[in-house]
N, C-alpha and C. Protein backbone atom coordinates (compact mmCIF):
# COMPACT_ATOMS: atom_id res chain seq x y z
N MET A 1 92.28 100.08 100.51
CA MET A 1 92.05 100.91 99.35
C MET A 1 90.55 101.09 99.18
N LYS A 2 90.13 102.36 99.07
CA LYS A 2 88.74 102.69 98.82
C LYS A 2 88.66 103.67 97.67
N LEU A 3 87.65 103.52 96.83
CA LEU A 3 87.42 104.47 95.75
C LEU A 3 86.69 105.68 96.30
N VAL A 4 87.10 106.86 95.87
CA VAL A 4 86.44 108.09 96.30
C VAL A 4 86.31 109.04 95.11
N THR A 5 85.32 109.91 95.18
CA THR A 5 85.24 111.07 94.30
C THR A 5 85.61 112.24 95.19
N TYR A 6 86.52 113.08 94.71
CA TYR A 6 86.96 114.19 95.56
C TYR A 6 87.09 115.46 94.74
N GLN A 7 87.18 116.56 95.47
CA GLN A 7 87.31 117.88 94.87
C GLN A 7 88.45 118.60 95.60
N SER A 8 89.41 119.11 94.84
CA SER A 8 90.47 119.90 95.46
C SER A 8 89.89 121.25 95.87
N LEU A 9 90.31 121.75 97.02
CA LEU A 9 89.81 123.04 97.48
C LEU A 9 90.17 124.13 96.48
N GLY A 10 89.22 125.01 96.24
CA GLY A 10 89.44 126.11 95.31
C GLY A 10 89.11 125.78 93.87
N THR A 11 88.61 124.57 93.59
CA THR A 11 88.23 124.20 92.23
C THR A 11 86.82 123.61 92.23
N ASP A 12 86.22 123.54 91.06
CA ASP A 12 84.92 122.90 90.91
C ASP A 12 85.05 121.51 90.31
N LEU A 13 86.25 121.12 89.93
CA LEU A 13 86.49 119.87 89.24
C LEU A 13 86.42 118.69 90.20
N LEU A 14 85.59 117.70 89.84
CA LEU A 14 85.51 116.46 90.61
C LEU A 14 86.42 115.43 89.97
N ARG A 15 87.15 114.69 90.80
CA ARG A 15 88.10 113.69 90.32
C ARG A 15 87.87 112.38 91.05
N THR A 16 88.27 111.29 90.42
CA THR A 16 88.21 110.00 91.09
C THR A 16 89.56 109.74 91.75
N GLY A 17 89.51 109.08 92.88
CA GLY A 17 90.75 108.82 93.61
C GLY A 17 90.69 107.53 94.39
N LEU A 18 91.85 107.16 94.89
CA LEU A 18 91.98 106.02 95.79
C LEU A 18 92.36 106.55 97.16
N LEU A 19 91.55 106.24 98.14
CA LEU A 19 91.87 106.58 99.52
C LEU A 19 92.72 105.43 100.04
N ILE A 20 94.01 105.66 100.15
CA ILE A 20 94.94 104.61 100.53
C ILE A 20 94.97 104.46 102.05
N GLN A 21 95.11 105.56 102.73
CA GLN A 21 95.03 105.59 104.18
C GLN A 21 94.18 106.79 104.54
N LYS A 22 94.00 107.04 105.82
CA LYS A 22 93.17 108.17 106.24
C LYS A 22 93.66 109.50 105.68
N ASP A 23 94.95 109.58 105.37
CA ASP A 23 95.50 110.86 104.96
C ASP A 23 96.15 110.84 103.59
N GLU A 24 95.77 109.88 102.74
CA GLU A 24 96.39 109.79 101.43
C GLU A 24 95.34 109.49 100.34
N VAL A 25 95.19 110.42 99.40
CA VAL A 25 94.29 110.24 98.26
C VAL A 25 95.12 110.32 96.99
N LEU A 26 95.03 109.27 96.16
CA LEU A 26 95.72 109.27 94.87
C LEU A 26 94.74 109.64 93.77
N ASP A 27 95.14 110.50 92.87
CA ASP A 27 94.34 110.87 91.72
C ASP A 27 94.47 109.76 90.67
N ILE A 28 93.37 109.06 90.38
CA ILE A 28 93.42 107.92 89.47
C ILE A 28 93.80 108.36 88.05
N ALA A 29 93.23 109.44 87.56
CA ALA A 29 93.54 109.91 86.20
C ALA A 29 95.01 110.29 86.07
N ALA A 30 95.56 110.95 87.09
CA ALA A 30 96.98 111.31 87.06
C ALA A 30 97.86 110.06 87.06
N GLU A 31 97.46 109.07 87.82
CA GLU A 31 98.20 107.80 87.83
C GLU A 31 98.15 107.13 86.47
N CYS A 32 97.00 107.14 85.82
CA CYS A 32 96.87 106.54 84.49
C CYS A 32 97.75 107.28 83.49
N ALA A 33 97.78 108.60 83.58
CA ALA A 33 98.63 109.40 82.69
C ALA A 33 100.11 109.06 82.91
N ALA A 34 100.50 108.90 84.17
CA ALA A 34 101.89 108.57 84.49
C ALA A 34 102.26 107.18 83.99
N ARG A 35 101.28 106.32 83.82
CA ARG A 35 101.51 104.94 83.34
C ARG A 35 101.24 104.80 81.85
N ASN A 36 100.93 105.91 81.18
CA ASN A 36 100.63 105.91 79.74
C ASN A 36 99.50 104.95 79.37
N THR A 37 98.47 104.93 80.19
CA THR A 37 97.29 104.13 79.88
C THR A 37 96.11 105.07 79.68
N ASN A 38 95.20 104.69 78.83
CA ASN A 38 94.05 105.54 78.56
C ASN A 38 92.77 104.92 79.10
N ALA A 39 92.84 104.27 80.24
CA ALA A 39 91.67 103.67 80.86
C ALA A 39 90.63 104.74 81.18
N ALA A 40 89.36 104.38 81.04
CA ALA A 40 88.27 105.30 81.36
C ALA A 40 88.09 105.34 82.87
N VAL A 41 88.59 106.41 83.49
CA VAL A 41 88.55 106.52 84.95
C VAL A 41 88.08 107.89 85.42
N ALA A 42 87.45 108.65 84.54
CA ALA A 42 87.07 110.02 84.89
C ALA A 42 85.92 110.07 85.89
N THR A 43 85.07 109.06 85.87
CA THR A 43 83.94 109.01 86.82
C THR A 43 83.90 107.66 87.50
N MET A 44 83.21 107.60 88.60
CA MET A 44 83.07 106.34 89.31
C MET A 44 82.33 105.31 88.48
N LEU A 45 81.31 105.75 87.73
CA LEU A 45 80.57 104.82 86.86
C LEU A 45 81.48 104.24 85.79
N ALA A 46 82.37 105.04 85.22
CA ALA A 46 83.30 104.54 84.21
C ALA A 46 84.23 103.49 84.82
N ILE A 47 84.65 103.71 86.04
CA ILE A 47 85.52 102.75 86.72
C ILE A 47 84.77 101.44 86.94
N ILE A 48 83.54 101.53 87.40
CA ILE A 48 82.75 100.32 87.64
C ILE A 48 82.52 99.57 86.34
N GLU A 49 82.20 100.30 85.27
CA GLU A 49 81.96 99.67 83.98
C GLU A 49 83.24 99.09 83.38
N GLY A 50 84.41 99.53 83.85
CA GLY A 50 85.68 99.03 83.36
C GLY A 50 85.96 97.59 83.73
N GLY A 51 85.27 97.10 84.73
CA GLY A 51 85.37 95.69 85.10
C GLY A 51 86.72 95.28 85.66
N GLU A 52 87.05 94.01 85.39
CA GLU A 52 88.24 93.38 85.97
C GLU A 52 89.54 94.08 85.56
N ALA A 53 89.63 94.51 84.30
CA ALA A 53 90.85 95.17 83.84
C ALA A 53 91.11 96.46 84.63
N THR A 54 90.07 97.22 84.88
CA THR A 54 90.21 98.46 85.66
C THR A 54 90.55 98.14 87.11
N ARG A 55 89.95 97.11 87.65
CA ARG A 55 90.24 96.72 89.04
C ARG A 55 91.71 96.33 89.19
N GLU A 56 92.24 95.59 88.22
CA GLU A 56 93.65 95.22 88.27
C GLU A 56 94.55 96.45 88.18
N LEU A 57 94.18 97.40 87.33
CA LEU A 57 94.92 98.65 87.22
C LEU A 57 94.93 99.40 88.55
N LEU A 58 93.77 99.47 89.20
CA LEU A 58 93.68 100.16 90.49
C LEU A 58 94.52 99.47 91.56
N ASN A 59 94.56 98.15 91.55
CA ASN A 59 95.41 97.41 92.48
C ASN A 59 96.88 97.73 92.24
N ASP A 60 97.28 97.82 90.96
CA ASP A 60 98.66 98.18 90.63
C ASP A 60 98.98 99.60 91.11
N ILE A 61 98.04 100.52 90.90
CA ILE A 61 98.23 101.91 91.34
C ILE A 61 98.41 101.97 92.85
N ALA A 62 97.56 101.25 93.58
CA ALA A 62 97.64 101.26 95.05
C ALA A 62 98.95 100.65 95.54
N ALA A 63 99.44 99.63 94.83
CA ALA A 63 100.66 98.94 95.25
C ALA A 63 101.91 99.76 95.00
N SER A 64 101.92 100.52 93.89
CA SER A 64 103.12 101.31 93.58
C SER A 64 102.74 102.61 92.88
N PRO A 65 102.33 103.62 93.67
CA PRO A 65 101.95 104.92 93.09
C PRO A 65 103.13 105.63 92.43
N LYS A 66 102.82 106.34 91.34
CA LYS A 66 103.85 107.08 90.61
C LYS A 66 103.67 108.60 90.72
N THR A 67 102.59 109.03 91.37
CA THR A 67 102.33 110.46 91.54
C THR A 67 102.20 110.76 93.03
N PRO A 68 102.35 112.03 93.42
CA PRO A 68 102.23 112.38 94.84
C PRO A 68 100.78 112.24 95.33
N PHE A 69 100.66 112.04 96.62
CA PHE A 69 99.36 111.95 97.26
C PHE A 69 98.73 113.33 97.41
N ASN A 70 97.41 113.38 97.38
CA ASN A 70 96.68 114.59 97.78
C ASN A 70 96.31 114.41 99.24
N LEU A 71 96.46 115.44 100.02
CA LEU A 71 96.16 115.35 101.44
C LEU A 71 94.71 115.76 101.71
N PRO A 72 94.01 115.09 102.60
CA PRO A 72 92.62 115.44 102.90
C PRO A 72 92.43 116.88 103.33
N ALA A 73 93.47 117.53 103.88
CA ALA A 73 93.34 118.93 104.28
C ALA A 73 93.13 119.83 103.06
N THR A 74 93.48 119.35 101.87
CA THR A 74 93.32 120.15 100.66
C THR A 74 92.23 119.59 99.73
N THR A 75 91.49 118.59 100.20
CA THR A 75 90.45 117.96 99.37
C THR A 75 89.16 117.79 100.14
N LEU A 76 88.06 117.73 99.40
CA LEU A 76 86.75 117.41 99.96
C LEU A 76 86.29 116.09 99.35
N ILE A 77 85.94 115.14 100.19
CA ILE A 77 85.41 113.87 99.70
C ILE A 77 83.94 114.08 99.36
N LYS A 78 83.54 113.66 98.18
CA LYS A 78 82.17 113.84 97.70
C LYS A 78 81.45 112.50 97.61
N ALA A 79 80.17 112.53 97.25
CA ALA A 79 79.42 111.30 97.02
C ALA A 79 80.09 110.53 95.88
N PRO A 80 80.18 109.21 95.98
CA PRO A 80 80.89 108.43 94.95
C PRO A 80 80.33 108.61 93.54
N THR A 81 79.03 108.51 93.40
CA THR A 81 78.41 108.72 92.08
C THR A 81 77.36 109.81 92.22
N LEU A 82 77.53 110.85 91.47
CA LEU A 82 76.61 111.98 91.59
C LEU A 82 75.32 111.77 90.80
N ARG A 83 75.44 111.17 89.62
CA ARG A 83 74.26 110.94 88.78
C ARG A 83 74.29 109.51 88.28
N THR A 84 73.40 108.71 88.79
CA THR A 84 73.35 107.32 88.33
C THR A 84 72.38 107.23 87.17
N PRO A 85 72.64 106.32 86.23
CA PRO A 85 71.72 106.19 85.11
C PRO A 85 70.40 105.59 85.57
N LYS A 86 69.33 105.96 84.87
CA LYS A 86 68.01 105.42 85.20
C LYS A 86 67.90 103.99 84.70
N THR A 87 67.24 103.18 85.48
CA THR A 87 66.93 101.82 85.03
C THR A 87 65.42 101.72 84.88
N VAL A 88 65.02 101.24 83.76
CA VAL A 88 63.59 101.15 83.49
C VAL A 88 63.16 99.74 83.29
């Protein structure tokens, strides 16, 4: 399981996902909606800041997905975090 930021072809919307195998990407937000959880998973930074509880949720999602996979032929994998916060 790897975390990815991806974009479906034909859209400008970036989404967070789980790359389960070479040809399977799960939409994390869609999985959370299917599980009736409101975890902050819209960006990679939100997932990282979610800590252990978010990591456990992602493990559950990877173990038993409730939504269909997105295929890499219809998605573009993007940089994991597009804008990191400044540290001073």
